[in-house]
Amino acid sequence: METPKSFRIKYEVHCRLENFFGKEIVVKKCYSELHAKVKLNDFCVKKYGKEFDFIKVVSIKCEIENLLNAFDNIFGEKSIFDNAFTDLLKTYKK
């Protein structure tokens, strides 16, 4: 069975009265790019309601979201905790 992945999507939202450019979201637990786009579309339908027309995907890339990436995002670069968490995760998996 394929494991779910996270996809970082940059997109534009086009509504009847207003457009929103430069949006970005991480869609988690998806099995393919198409699945991520469908989940994003469902999200936009709920968020923008009747005014929503369509979304335009600018870029999409697959990301492996894990504990180490979360610390990289917090500190802006590889953190000093990187090796410690890697060792801890290896020990935990055994």
PDB file of N, CA and C in Angstrom:
ATOM      1  N   MET A   1       0.840  -1.187   0.000  1.00  0.00           N
ATOM      2  CA  MET A   1       0.000   0.000   0.000  1.00  0.00           C
ATOM      3  C   MET A   1       0.883   1.248   0.000  1.00  0.00           C
ATOM      4  N   GLU A   2       0.514   2.198  -0.796  1.00  0.00           N
ATOM      5  CA  GLU A   2       1.284   3.426  -0.920  1.00  0.00           C
ATOM      6  C   GLU A   2       1.061   4.317   0.305  1.00  0.00           C
ATOM      7  N   THR A   3       2.132   4.955   0.750  1.00  0.00           N
ATOM      8  CA  THR A   3       2.020   5.834   1.911  1.00  0.00           C
ATOM      9  C   THR A   3       1.616   7.236   1.461  1.00  0.00           C
ATOM     10  N   PRO A   4       0.817   7.912   2.271  1.00  0.00           N
ATOM     11  CA  PRO A   4       0.414   9.276   1.921  1.00  0.00           C
ATOM     12  C   PRO A   4       1.590  10.246   1.980  1.00  0.00           C
ATOM     13  N   LYS A   5       1.523  11.276   1.168  1.00  0.00           N
ATOM     14  CA  LYS A   5       2.574  12.282   1.099  1.00  0.00           C
ATOM     15  C   LYS A   5       1.949  13.660   1.293  1.00  0.00           C
ATOM     16  N   SER A   6       2.808  14.647   1.470  1.00  0.00           N
ATOM     17  CA  SER A   6       2.368  16.039   1.546  1.00  0.00           C
ATOM     18  C   SER A   6       2.808  16.763   0.281  1.00  0.00           C
ATOM     19  N   PHE A   7       1.974  17.658  -0.188  1.00  0.00           N
ATOM     20  CA  PHE A   7       2.269  18.433  -1.387  1.00  0.00           C
ATOM     21  C   PHE A   7       2.155  19.913  -1.062  1.00  0.00           C
ATOM     22  N   ARG A   8       3.189  20.683  -1.411  1.00  0.00           N
ATOM     23  CA  ARG A   8       3.157  22.141  -1.263  1.00  0.00           C
ATOM     24  C   ARG A   8       2.665  22.704  -2.592  1.00  0.00           C
ATOM     25  N   ILE A   9       1.546  23.415  -2.539  1.00  0.00           N
ATOM     26  CA  ILE A   9       0.915  23.934  -3.747  1.00  0.00           C
ATOM     27  C   ILE A   9       0.858  25.458  -3.679  1.00  0.00           C
ATOM     28  N   LYS A  10       1.367  26.102  -4.721  1.00  0.00           N
ATOM     29  CA  LYS A  10       1.188  27.545  -4.907  1.00  0.00           C
ATOM     30  C   LYS A  10       0.059  27.693  -5.911  1.00  0.00           C
ATOM     31  N   TYR A  11      -0.913  28.542  -5.579  1.00  0.00           N
ATOM     32  CA  TYR A  11      -2.104  28.609  -6.417  1.00  0.00           C
ATOM     33  C   TYR A  11      -2.728  30.003  -6.393  1.00  0.00           C
ATOM     34  N   GLU A  12      -3.663  30.219  -7.303  1.00  0.00           N
ATOM     35  CA  GLU A  12      -4.453  31.444  -7.384  1.00  0.00           C
ATOM     36  C   GLU A  12      -5.919  31.057  -7.299  1.00  0.00           C
ATOM     37  N   VAL A  13      -6.693  31.849  -6.585  1.00  0.00           N
ATOM     38  CA  VAL A  13      -8.127  31.602  -6.457  1.00  0.00           C
ATOM     39  C   VAL A  13      -8.867  32.658  -7.267  1.00  0.00           C
ATOM     40  N   HIS A  14      -9.758  32.207  -8.128  1.00  0.00           N
ATOM     41  CA  HIS A  14     -10.556  33.116  -8.949  1.00  0.00           C
ATOM     42  C   HIS A  14     -12.011  32.996  -8.521  1.00  0.00           C
ATOM     43  N   CYS A  15     -12.533  34.104  -8.025  1.00  0.00           N
ATOM     44  CA  CYS A  15     -13.932  34.172  -7.616  1.00  0.00           C
ATOM     45  C   CYS A  15     -14.673  35.148  -8.531  1.00  0.00           C
ATOM     46  N   ARG A  16     -15.971  35.227  -8.387  1.00  0.00           N
ATOM     47  CA  ARG A  16     -16.766  36.097  -9.259  1.00  0.00           C
ATOM     48  C   ARG A  16     -16.456  37.568  -9.034  1.00  0.00           C
ATOM     49  N   LEU A  17     -16.249  37.973  -7.787  1.00  0.00           N
ATOM     50  CA  LEU A  17     -16.055  39.387  -7.484  1.00  0.00           C
ATOM     51  C   LEU A  17     -14.615  39.767  -7.188  1.00  0.00           C
ATOM     52  N   GLU A  18     -13.785  38.794  -6.821  1.00  0.00           N
ATOM     53  CA  GLU A  18     -12.424  39.104  -6.399  1.00  0.00           C
ATOM     54  C   GLU A  18     -11.508  37.920  -6.680  1.00  0.00           C
ATOM     55  N   ASN A  19     -10.238  38.197  -6.978  1.00  0.00           N
ATOM     56  CA  ASN A  19      -9.243  37.156  -7.192  1.00  0.00           C
ATOM     57  C   ASN A  19      -8.183  37.250  -6.104  1.00  0.00           C
ATOM     58  N   PHE A  20      -7.596  36.110  -5.757  1.00  0.00           N
ATOM     59  CA  PHE A  20      -6.569  36.050  -4.725  1.00  0.00           C
ATOM     60  C   PHE A  20      -5.335  35.386  -5.328  1.00  0.00           C
ATOM     61  N   PHE A  21      -4.234  36.127  -5.370  1.00  0.00           N
ATOM     62  CA  PHE A  21      -3.011  35.638  -5.988  1.00  0.00           C
ATOM     63  C   PHE A  21      -1.960  35.367  -4.916  1.00  0.00           C
ATOM     64  N   GLY A  22      -1.000  34.503  -5.244  1.00  0.00           N
ATOM     65  CA  GLY A  22       0.121  34.253  -4.343  1.00  0.00           C
ATOM     66  C   GLY A  22      -0.221  33.412  -3.134  1.00  0.00           C
ATOM     67  N   LYS A  23      -1.223  32.568  -3.225  1.00  0.00           N
ATOM     68  CA  LYS A  23      -1.609  31.700  -2.111  1.00  0.00           C
ATOM     69  C   LYS A  23      -0.706  30.469  -2.109  1.00  0.00           C
ATOM     70  N   GLU A  24      -0.488  29.909  -0.923  1.00  0.00           N
ATOM     71  CA  GLU A  24       0.331  28.700  -0.789  1.00  0.00           C
ATOM     72  C   GLU A  24      -0.219  27.871   0.363  1.00  0.00           C
ATOM     73  N   ILE A  25      -0.231  26.554   0.176  1.00  0.00           N
ATOM     74  CA  ILE A  25      -0.769  25.660   1.184  1.00  0.00           C
ATOM     75  C   ILE A  25      -0.039  24.325   1.108  1.00  0.00           C
ATOM     76  N   VAL A  26       0.031  23.627   2.224  1.00  0.00           N
ATOM     77  CA  VAL A  26       0.541  22.259   2.255  1.00  0.00           C
ATOM     78  C   VAL A  26      -0.661  21.347   2.447  1.00  0.00           C
ATOM     79  N   VAL A  27      -0.889  20.480   1.475  1.00  0.00           N
ATOM     80  CA  VAL A  27      -1.996  19.526   1.537  1.00  0.00           C
ATOM     81  C   VAL A  27      -1.402  18.189   1.956  1.00  0.00           C
ATOM     82  N   LYS A  28      -1.862  17.679   3.079  1.00  0.00           N
ATOM     83  CA  LYS A  28      -1.272  16.461   3.646  1.00  0.00           C
ATOM     84  C   LYS A  28      -2.132  15.235   3.362  1.00  0.00           C
ATOM     85  N   LYS A  29      -1.502  14.084   3.509  1.00  0.00           N
ATOM     86  CA  LYS A  29      -2.153  12.772   3.376  1.00  0.00           C
ATOM     87  C   LYS A  29      -2.777  12.570   1.999  1.00  0.00           C
ATOM     88  N   CYS A  30      -1.979  12.811   0.956  1.00  0.00           N
ATOM     89  CA  CYS A  30      -2.431  12.616  -0.423  1.00  0.00           C
ATOM     90  C   CYS A  30      -1.615  11.517  -1.081  1.00  0.00           C
ATOM     91  N   TYR A  31      -2.238  10.806  -1.995  1.00  0.00           N
ATOM     92  CA  TYR A  31      -1.575   9.699  -2.672  1.00  0.00           C
ATOM     93  C   TYR A  31      -1.003  10.081  -4.038  1.00  0.00           C
ATOM     94  N   SER A  32      -1.399  11.247  -4.559  1.00  0.00           N
ATOM     95  CA  SER A  32      -0.886  11.707  -5.853  1.00  0.00           C
ATOM     96  C   SER A  32      -1.116  13.208  -5.970  1.00  0.00           C
ATOM     97  N   GLU A  33      -0.537  13.803  -7.018  1.00  0.00           N
ATOM     98  CA  GLU A  33      -0.762  15.224  -7.277  1.00  0.00           C
ATOM     99  C   GLU A  33      -2.245  15.498  -7.526  1.00  0.00           C
ATOM    100  N   LEU A  34      -2.879  14.623  -8.267  1.00  0.00           N
ATOM    101  CA  LEU A  34      -4.304  14.800  -8.566  1.00  0.00           C
ATOM    102  C   LEU A  34      -5.124  14.789  -7.283  1.00  0.00           C
ATOM    103  N   HIS A  35      -4.826  13.872  -6.378  1.00  0.00           N
ATOM    104  CA  HIS A  35      -5.532  13.795  -5.107  1.00  0.00           C
ATOM    105  C   HIS A  35      -5.346  15.100  -4.320  1.00  0.00           C
ATOM    106  N   ALA A  36      -4.134  15.651  -4.329  1.00  0.00           N
ATOM    107  CA  ALA A  36      -3.854  16.911  -3.627  1.00  0.00           C
ATOM    108  C   ALA A  36      -4.654  18.060  -4.242  1.00  0.00           C
ATOM    109  N   LYS A  37      -4.743  18.089  -5.577  1.00  0.00           N
ATOM    110  CA  LYS A  37      -5.501  19.150  -6.247  1.00  0.00           C
ATOM    111  C   LYS A  37      -6.994  19.047  -5.945  1.00  0.00           C
ATOM    112  N   VAL A  38      -7.512  17.830  -5.870  1.00  0.00           N
ATOM    113  CA  VAL A  38      -8.929  17.631  -5.553  1.00  0.00           C
ATOM    114  C   VAL A  38      -9.209  18.102  -4.124  1.00  0.00           C
ATOM    115  N   LYS A  39      -8.305  17.768  -3.189  1.00  0.00           N
ATOM    116  CA  LYS A  39      -8.494  18.218  -1.809  1.00  0.00           C
ATOM    117  C   LYS A  39      -8.422  19.739  -1.706  1.00  0.00           C
ATOM    118  N   LEU A  40      -7.520  20.354  -2.467  1.00  0.00           N
ATOM    119  CA  LEU A  40      -7.423  21.817  -2.486  1.00  0.00           C
ATOM    120  C   LEU A  40      -8.698  22.429  -3.051  1.00  0.00           C
ATOM    121  N   ASN A  41      -9.221  21.866  -4.109  1.00  0.00           N
ATOM    122  CA  ASN A  41     -10.464  22.361  -4.700  1.00  0.00           C
ATOM    123  C   ASN A  41     -11.609  22.276  -3.689  1.00  0.00           C
ATOM    124  N   ASP A  42     -11.719  21.155  -2.987  1.00  0.00           N
ATOM    125  CA  ASP A  42     -12.768  20.997  -1.973  1.00  0.00           C
ATOM    126  C   ASP A  42     -12.624  22.043  -0.869  1.00  0.00           C
ATOM    127  N   PHE A  43     -11.383  22.314  -0.460  1.00  0.00           N
ATOM    128  CA  PHE A  43     -11.110  23.322   0.546  1.00  0.00           C
ATOM    129  C   PHE A  43     -11.573  24.705   0.081  1.00  0.00           C
ATOM    130  N   CYS A  44     -11.261  25.054  -1.173  1.00  0.00           N
ATOM    131  CA  CYS A  44     -11.639  26.361  -1.715  1.00  0.00           C
ATOM    132  C   CYS A  44     -13.153  26.502  -1.844  1.00  0.00           C
ATOM    133  N   VAL A  45     -13.833  25.434  -2.229  1.00  0.00           N
ATOM    134  CA  VAL A  45     -15.294  25.464  -2.333  1.00  0.00           C
ATOM    135  C   VAL A  45     -15.900  25.773  -0.969  1.00  0.00           C
ATOM    136  N   LYS A  46     -15.374  25.153   0.088  1.00  0.00           N
ATOM    137  CA  LYS A  46     -15.886  25.408   1.445  1.00  0.00           C
ATOM    138  C   LYS A  46     -15.539  26.816   1.913  1.00  0.00           C
ATOM    139  N   LYS A  47     -14.309  27.257   1.645  1.00  0.00           N
ATOM    140  CA  LYS A  47     -13.849  28.545   2.160  1.00  0.00           C
ATOM    141  C   LYS A  47     -14.504  29.735   1.457  1.00  0.00           C
ATOM    142  N   TYR A  48     -14.608  29.688   0.126  1.00  0.00           N
ATOM    143  CA  TYR A  48     -15.093  30.840  -0.636  1.00  0.00           C
ATOM    144  C   TYR A  48     -16.571  30.744  -1.000  1.00  0.00           C
ATOM    145  N   GLY A  49     -17.172  29.606  -0.821  1.00  0.00           N
ATOM    146  CA  GLY A  49     -18.610  29.455  -1.024  1.00  0.00           C
ATOM    147  C   GLY A  49     -19.073  29.668  -2.446  1.00  0.00           C
ATOM    148  N   LYS A  50     -20.213  30.334  -2.586  1.00  0.00           N
ATOM    149  CA  LYS A  50     -20.859  30.513  -3.889  1.00  0.00           C
ATOM    150  C   LYS A  50     -20.068  31.417  -4.835  1.00  0.00           C
ATOM    151  N   GLU A  51     -19.201  32.255  -4.284  1.00  0.00           N
ATOM    152  CA  GLU A  51     -18.421  33.169  -5.126  1.00  0.00           C
ATOM    153  C   GLU A  51     -17.285  32.459  -5.870  1.00  0.00           C
ATOM    154  N   PHE A  52     -16.913  31.258  -5.434  1.00  0.00           N
ATOM    155  CA  PHE A  52     -15.769  30.534  -5.988  1.00  0.00           C
ATOM    156  C   PHE A  52     -16.040  30.078  -7.417  1.00  0.00           C
ATOM    157  N   ASP A  53     -15.088  30.378  -8.329  1.00  0.00           N
ATOM    158  CA  ASP A  53     -15.177  29.914  -9.716  1.00  0.00           C
ATOM    159  C   ASP A  53     -14.200  28.769  -9.967  1.00  0.00           C
ATOM    160  N   PHE A  54     -12.891  29.056  -9.827  1.00  0.00           N
ATOM    161  CA  PHE A  54     -11.896  28.010 -10.074  1.00  0.00           C
ATOM    162  C   PHE A  54     -10.577  28.393  -9.423  1.00  0.00           C
ATOM    163  N   ILE A  55      -9.664  27.407  -9.351  1.00  0.00           N
ATOM    164  CA  ILE A  55      -8.307  27.664  -8.888  1.00  0.00           C
ATOM    165  C   ILE A  55      -7.351  27.414 -10.046  1.00  0.00           C
ATOM    166  N   LYS A  56      -6.231  28.124 -10.013  1.00  0.00           N
ATOM    167  CA  LYS A  56      -5.178  27.905 -10.997  1.00  0.00           C
ATOM    168  C   LYS A  56      -3.931  27.514 -10.214  1.00  0.00           C
ATOM    169  N   VAL A  57      -3.445  26.305 -10.445  1.00  0.00           N
ATOM    170  CA  VAL A  57      -2.260  25.825  -9.755  1.00  0.00           C
ATOM    171  C   VAL A  57      -1.030  26.388 -10.465  1.00  0.00           C
ATOM    172  N   VAL A  58      -0.216  27.128  -9.715  1.00  0.00           N
ATOM    173  CA  VAL A  58       0.994  27.729 -10.256  1.00  0.00           C
ATOM    174  C   VAL A  58       2.139  26.729 -10.194  1.00  0.00           C
ATOM    175  N   SER A  59       2.304  26.070  -9.047  1.00  0.00           N
ATOM    176  CA  SER A  59       3.327  25.037  -8.918  1.00  0.00           C
ATOM    177  C   SER A  59       2.913  24.058  -7.825  1.00  0.00           C
ATOM    178  N   ILE A  60       3.411  22.842  -7.950  1.00  0.00           N
ATOM    179  CA  ILE A  60       3.126  21.806  -6.962  1.00  0.00           C
ATOM    180  C   ILE A  60       4.371  20.954  -6.817  1.00  0.00           C
ATOM    181  N   LYS A  61       4.736  20.658  -5.570  1.00  0.00           N
ATOM    182  CA  LYS A  61       5.872  19.767  -5.362  1.00  0.00           C
ATOM    183  C   LYS A  61       5.603  18.887  -4.153  1.00  0.00           C
ATOM    184  N   CYS A  62       6.097  17.679  -4.231  1.00  0.00           N
ATOM    185  CA  CYS A  62       5.917  16.707  -3.166  1.00  0.00           C
ATOM    186  C   CYS A  62       6.946  16.986  -2.074  1.00  0.00           C
ATOM    187  N   GLU A  63       6.502  16.952  -0.841  1.00  0.00           N
ATOM    188  CA  GLU A  63       7.394  17.138   0.299  1.00  0.00           C
ATOM    189  C   GLU A  63       7.230  15.979   1.261  1.00  0.00           C
ATOM    190  N   ILE A  64       8.316  15.610   1.865  1.00  0.00           N
ATOM    191  CA  ILE A  64       8.256  14.603   2.913  1.00  0.00           C
ATOM    192  C   ILE A  64       8.192  15.365   4.215  1.00  0.00           C
ATOM    193  N   GLU A  65       7.025  15.350   4.831  1.00  0.00           N
ATOM    194  CA  GLU A  65       6.833  16.056   6.090  1.00  0.00           C
ATOM    195  C   GLU A  65       7.186  15.103   7.227  1.00  0.00           C
ATOM    196  N   ASN A  66       8.105  15.518   8.041  1.00  0.00           N
ATOM    197  CA  ASN A  66       8.430  14.736   9.228  1.00  0.00           C
ATOM    198  C   ASN A  66       8.898  15.668  10.322  1.00  0.00           C
ATOM    199  N   LEU A  67       9.302  15.106  11.418  1.00  0.00           N
ATOM    200  CA  LEU A  67       9.711  15.882  12.573  1.00  0.00           C
ATOM    201  C   LEU A  67      10.909  16.766  12.257  1.00  0.00           C
ATOM    202  N   LEU A  68      11.855  16.263  11.477  1.00  0.00           N
ATOM    203  CA  LEU A  68      13.048  17.044  11.162  1.00  0.00           C
ATOM    204  C   LEU A  68      12.713  18.258  10.304  1.00  0.00           C
ATOM    205  N   ASN A  69      11.792  18.115   9.353  1.00  0.00           N
ATOM    206  CA  ASN A  69      11.400  19.259   8.533  1.00  0.00           C
ATOM    207  C   ASN A  69      10.735  20.336   9.374  1.00  0.00           C
ATOM    208  N   ALA A  70       9.990  19.934  10.389  1.00  0.00           N
ATOM    209  CA  ALA A  70       9.351  20.917  11.254  1.00  0.00           C
ATOM    210  C   ALA A  70      10.394  21.766  11.964  1.00  0.00           C
ATOM    211  N   PHE A  71      11.463  21.150  12.448  1.00  0.00           N
ATOM    212  CA  PHE A  71      12.515  21.913  13.107  1.00  0.00           C
ATOM    213  C   PHE A  71      13.289  22.762  12.115  1.00  0.00           C
ATOM    214  N   ASP A  72      13.479  22.286  10.899  1.00  0.00           N
ATOM    215  CA  ASP A  72      14.147  23.095   9.875  1.00  0.00           C
ATOM    216  C   ASP A  72      13.343  24.365   9.605  1.00  0.00           C
ATOM    217  N   ASN A  73      12.014  24.230   9.559  1.00  0.00           N
ATOM    218  CA  ASN A  73      11.175  25.386   9.286  1.00  0.00           C
ATOM    219  C   ASN A  73      11.204  26.382  10.447  1.00  0.00           C
ATOM    220  N   ILE A  74      11.271  25.900  11.666  1.00  0.00           N
ATOM    221  CA  ILE A  74      11.289  26.780  12.830  1.00  0.00           C
ATOM    222  C   ILE A  74      12.574  27.590  12.866  1.00  0.00           C
ATOM    223  N   PHE A  75      13.711  26.919  12.669  1.00  0.00           N
ATOM    224  CA  PHE A  75      14.997  27.581  12.809  1.00  0.00           C
ATOM    225  C   PHE A  75      15.526  28.159  11.504  1.00  0.00           C
ATOM    226  N   GLY A  76      14.864  27.864  10.374  1.00  0.00           N
ATOM    227  CA  GLY A  76      15.253  28.447   9.100  1.00  0.00           C
ATOM    228  C   GLY A  76      16.372  27.710   8.391  1.00  0.00           C
ATOM    229  N   GLU A  77      17.016  26.806   9.026  1.00  0.00           N
ATOM    230  CA  GLU A  77      18.080  26.017   8.416  1.00  0.00           C
ATOM    231  C   GLU A  77      18.220  24.737   9.221  1.00  0.00           C
ATOM    232  N   LYS A  78      19.166  23.890   8.851  1.00  0.00           N
ATOM    233  CA  LYS A  78      19.376  22.664   9.611  1.00  0.00           C
ATOM    234  C   LYS A  78      19.676  23.024  11.056  1.00  0.00           C
ATOM    235  N   SER A  79      18.917  22.484  11.961  1.00  0.00           N
ATOM    236  CA  SER A  79      19.074  22.842  13.363  1.00  0.00           C
ATOM    237  C   SER A  79      20.159  21.998  14.021  1.00  0.00           C
ATOM    238  N   ILE A  80      20.569  22.433  15.194  1.00  0.00           N
ATOM    239  CA  ILE A  80      21.561  21.673  15.957  1.00  0.00           C
ATOM    240  C   ILE A  80      20.979  20.371  16.458  1.00  0.00           C
ATOM    241  N   PHE A  81      19.636  20.283  16.440  1.00  0.00           N
ATOM    242  CA  PHE A  81      18.963  19.084  16.914  1.00  0.00           C
ATOM    243  C   PHE A  81      18.858  18.009  15.845  1.00  0.00           C
ATOM    244  N   ASP A  82      19.279  18.312  14.629  1.00  0.00           N
ATOM    245  CA  ASP A  82      19.107  17.413  13.490  1.00  0.00           C
ATOM    246  C   ASP A  82      19.675  16.025  13.758  1.00  0.00           C
ATOM    247  N   ASN A  83      20.934  15.952  14.138  1.00  0.00           N
ATOM    248  CA  ASN A  83      21.562  14.648  14.384  1.00  0.00           C
ATOM    249  C   ASN A  83      20.933  13.931  15.569  1.00  0.00           C
ATOM    250  N   ALA A  84      20.590  14.671  16.607  1.00  0.00           N
ATOM    251  CA  ALA A  84      19.992  14.056  17.787  1.00  0.00           C
ATOM    252  C   ALA A  84      18.651  13.414  17.445  1.00  0.00           C
ATOM    253  N   PHE A  85      17.802  14.117  16.687  1.00  0.00           N
ATOM    254  CA  PHE A  85      16.508  13.556  16.323  1.00  0.00           C
ATOM    255  C   PHE A  85      16.642  12.404  15.336  1.00  0.00           C
ATOM    256  N   THR A  86      17.599  12.484  14.442  1.00  0.00           N
ATOM    257  CA  THR A  86      17.835  11.383  13.513  1.00  0.00           C
ATOM    258  C   THR A  86      18.204  10.127  14.271  1.00  0.00           C
ATOM    259  N   ASP A  87      19.105  10.250  15.232  1.00  0.00           N
ATOM    260  CA  ASP A  87      19.497   9.101  16.055  1.00  0.00           C
ATOM    261  C   ASP A  87      18.313   8.581  16.865  1.00  0.00           C
ATOM    262  N   LEU A  88      17.520   9.491  17.413  1.00  0.00           N
ATOM    263  CA  LEU A  88      16.365   9.093  18.203  1.00  0.00           C
ATOM    264  C   LEU A  88      15.346   8.350  17.351  1.00  0.00           C
ATOM    265  N   LEU A  89      15.080   8.855  16.146  1.00  0.00           N
ATOM    266  CA  LEU A  89      14.121   8.195  15.267  1.00  0.00           C
ATOM    267  C   LEU A  89      14.610   6.822  14.821  1.00  0.00           C
ATOM    268  N   LYS A  90      15.908   6.688  14.562  1.00  0.00           N
ATOM    269  CA  LYS A  90      16.461   5.383  14.189  1.00  0.00           C
ATOM    270  C   LYS A  90      16.304   4.407  15.333  1.00  0.00           C
ATOM    271  N   THR A  91      16.551   4.851  16.551  1.00  0.00           N
ATOM    272  CA  THR A  91      16.410   3.985  17.728  1.00  0.00           C
ATOM    273  C   THR A  91      14.956   3.592  17.929  1.00  0.00           C
ATOM    274  N   TYR A  92      14.060   4.544  17.747  1.00  0.00           N
ATOM    275  CA  TYR A  92      12.641   4.292  17.944  1.00  0.00           C
ATOM    276  C   TYR A  92      12.087   3.306  16.935  1.00  0.00           C
ATOM    277  N   LYS A  93      12.570   3.364  15.691  1.00  0.00           N
ATOM    278  CA  LYS A  93      12.087   2.466  14.635  1.00  0.00           C
ATOM    279  C   LYS A  93      12.490   1.030  14.889  1.00  0.00           C
ATOM    280  N   LYS A  94      13.598   0.824  15.631  1.00  0.00           N
ATOM    281  CA  LYS A  94      14.034  -0.548  15.934  1.00  0.00           C
ATOM    282  C   LYS A  94      13.176  -1.108  17.005  1.00  0.00           C
TER     283      LYS A  94
END
